[in-house]
Amino acid sequence: MTQAPGFRHAPSISWLGTEYGIAFSDDRDFHYENPNIGSAGDYEVYFVRVSQNGAKVGSEKRVTTCSGSCLACYWASPRPLG
């Protein structure tokens, strides 16, 4: 899905009719040190498109911008696109 450093979790996969869309939480943007717990920062939500055969289409897109504590929500809908 990505070669970016860091940890990612909570993927959500959707079929878009001709390809897949995957949204996931990613900590690649951790940029500060907390003396009590070590590295700390914000998780962001990213989105990537993947072809039917599993090849990434384009690059990941960051869809949130958090500063400090942040809450993001993403969801799936059974309704067809279009």
C-alpha atoms as a PDB file:
ATOM      1  CA  MET A   1       0.000   0.000   0.000  1.00  0.00           C
ATOM      2  CA  THR A   2       2.779   2.457   0.895  1.00  0.00           C
ATOM      3  CA  GLN A   3       6.540   2.507   1.387  1.00  0.00           C
ATOM      4  CA  ALA A   4       6.432   5.542   3.722  1.00  0.00           C
ATOM      5  CA  PRO A   5       8.153   5.092   7.085  1.00  0.00           C
ATOM      6  CA  GLY A   6       5.954   4.676  10.132  1.00  0.00           C
ATOM      7  CA  PHE A   7       2.997   2.639  11.268  1.00  0.00           C
ATOM      8  CA  ARG A   8      -0.409   2.409   9.590  1.00  0.00           C
ATOM      9  CA  HIS A   9      -3.604   0.761  10.720  1.00  0.00           C
ATOM     10  CA  ALA A  10      -7.404   0.630  10.390  1.00  0.00           C
ATOM     11  CA  PRO A  11      -7.641   0.215   6.608  1.00  0.00           C
ATOM     12  CA  SER A  12     -11.045   0.575   4.993  1.00  0.00           C
ATOM     13  CA  ILE A  13     -11.337  -0.934   1.489  1.00  0.00           C
ATOM     14  CA  SER A  14     -14.059  -0.021  -1.025  1.00  0.00           C
ATOM     15  CA  TRP A  15     -14.718  -1.223  -4.574  1.00  0.00           C
ATOM     16  CA  LEU A  16     -15.154   1.810  -6.834  1.00  0.00           C
ATOM     17  CA  GLY A  17     -16.513  -0.020  -9.888  1.00  0.00           C
ATOM     18  CA  THR A  18     -13.204  -0.275 -11.781  1.00  0.00           C
ATOM     19  CA  GLU A  19     -10.646  -0.153  -8.953  1.00  0.00           C
ATOM     20  CA  TYR A  20     -10.359  -0.219  -5.161  1.00  0.00           C
ATOM     21  CA  GLY A  21     -10.052   2.726  -2.781  1.00  0.00           C
ATOM     22  CA  ILE A  22      -8.246   2.248   0.530  1.00  0.00           C
ATOM     23  CA  ALA A  23      -8.362   4.746   3.416  1.00  0.00           C
ATOM     24  CA  PHE A  24      -6.023   4.179   6.373  1.00  0.00           C
ATOM     25  CA  SER A  25      -4.559   5.863   9.450  1.00  0.00           C
ATOM     26  CA  ASP A  26      -0.841   6.621   9.186  1.00  0.00           C
ATOM     27  CA  ASP A  27       1.727   8.019  11.635  1.00  0.00           C
ATOM     28  CA  ARG A  28       4.366   9.115   9.085  1.00  0.00           C
ATOM     29  CA  ASP A  29       3.873  12.726  10.239  1.00  0.00           C
ATOM     30  CA  PHE A  30       5.021  12.205  13.859  1.00  0.00           C
ATOM     31  CA  HIS A  31       7.463  15.079  14.323  1.00  0.00           C
ATOM     32  CA  TYR A  32       8.037  15.810  17.991  1.00  0.00           C
ATOM     33  CA  GLU A  33       9.587  14.138  21.020  1.00  0.00           C
ATOM     34  CA  ASN A  34       7.820  13.771  24.368  1.00  0.00           C
ATOM     35  CA  PRO A  35      10.340  13.091  27.189  1.00  0.00           C
ATOM     36  CA  ASN A  36       7.803  10.870  28.992  1.00  0.00           C
ATOM     37  CA  ILE A  37       6.745   8.617  26.113  1.00  0.00           C
ATOM     38  CA  GLY A  38       9.302   9.149  23.312  1.00  0.00           C
ATOM     39  CA  SER A  39       8.131  10.019  19.826  1.00  0.00           C
ATOM     40  CA  ALA A  40       4.584  11.311  19.650  1.00  0.00           C
ATOM     41  CA  GLY A  41       2.376  13.158  17.225  1.00  0.00           C
ATOM     42  CA  ASP A  42      -0.739  12.877  15.122  1.00  0.00           C
ATOM     43  CA  TYR A  43      -2.133  10.103  12.995  1.00  0.00           C
ATOM     44  CA  GLU A  44      -3.492  11.279   9.669  1.00  0.00           C
ATOM     45  CA  VAL A  45      -5.921   9.615   7.259  1.00  0.00           C
ATOM     46  CA  TYR A  46      -4.569   8.807   3.796  1.00  0.00           C
ATOM     47  CA  PHE A  47      -6.311   7.464   0.692  1.00  0.00           C
ATOM     48  CA  VAL A  48      -4.872   5.387  -2.147  1.00  0.00           C
ATOM     49  CA  ARG A  49      -6.378   3.864  -5.314  1.00  0.00           C
ATOM     50  CA  VAL A  50      -5.476   0.280  -6.264  1.00  0.00           C
ATOM     51  CA  SER A  51      -6.162  -1.488  -9.575  1.00  0.00           C
ATOM     52  CA  GLN A  52      -8.058  -4.765  -9.864  1.00  0.00           C
ATOM     53  CA  ASN A  53      -4.740  -6.635 -10.007  1.00  0.00           C
ATOM     54  CA  GLY A  54      -3.359  -4.935  -6.879  1.00  0.00           C
ATOM     55  CA  ALA A  55      -1.123  -2.257  -8.430  1.00  0.00           C
ATOM     56  CA  LYS A  56      -1.172   1.186  -6.830  1.00  0.00           C
ATOM     57  CA  VAL A  57      -2.752   3.861  -9.073  1.00  0.00           C
ATOM     58  CA  GLY A  58      -1.097   7.227  -8.442  1.00  0.00           C
ATOM     59  CA  SER A  59       0.184   8.258  -5.038  1.00  0.00           C
ATOM     60  CA  GLU A  60      -1.344   8.339  -1.574  1.00  0.00           C
ATOM     61  CA  LYS A  61      -3.389  11.449  -0.802  1.00  0.00           C
ATOM     62  CA  ARG A  62      -3.465  12.870   2.716  1.00  0.00           C
ATOM     63  CA  VAL A  63      -7.096  13.698   3.526  1.00  0.00           C
ATOM     64  CA  THR A  64      -6.755  15.099   7.071  1.00  0.00           C
ATOM     65  CA  THR A  65      -4.610  17.819   8.614  1.00  0.00           C
ATOM     66  CA  CYS A  66      -4.363  17.515  12.379  1.00  0.00           C
ATOM     67  CA  SER A  67      -2.470  19.605  14.886  1.00  0.00           C
ATOM     68  CA  GLY A  68      -2.348  18.347  18.465  1.00  0.00           C
ATOM     69  CA  SER A  69      -5.165  15.961  19.327  1.00  0.00           C
ATOM     70  CA  CYS A  70      -7.420  15.310  16.379  1.00  0.00           C
ATOM     71  CA  LEU A  71     -10.419  13.147  15.568  1.00  0.00           C
ATOM     72  CA  ALA A  72     -11.165  11.965  12.040  1.00  0.00           C
ATOM     73  CA  CYS A  73     -14.044   9.901  10.761  1.00  0.00           C
ATOM     74  CA  TYR A  74     -14.468   8.041   7.509  1.00  0.00           C
ATOM     75  CA  TRP A  75     -17.247   5.688   6.503  1.00  0.00           C
ATOM     76  CA  ALA A  76     -18.547   3.369   3.809  1.00  0.00           C
ATOM     77  CA  SER A  77     -21.869   3.483   2.045  1.00  0.00           C
ATOM     78  CA  PRO A  78     -23.635   0.640   0.232  1.00  0.00           C
ATOM     79  CA  ARG A  79     -24.992   3.143  -2.325  1.00  0.00           C
ATOM     80  CA  PRO A  80     -23.501   2.949  -5.843  1.00  0.00           C
ATOM     81  CA  LEU A  81     -21.243   5.776  -6.969  1.00  0.00           C
ATOM     82  CA  GLY A  82     -22.354   8.133  -9.686  1.00  0.00           C
END
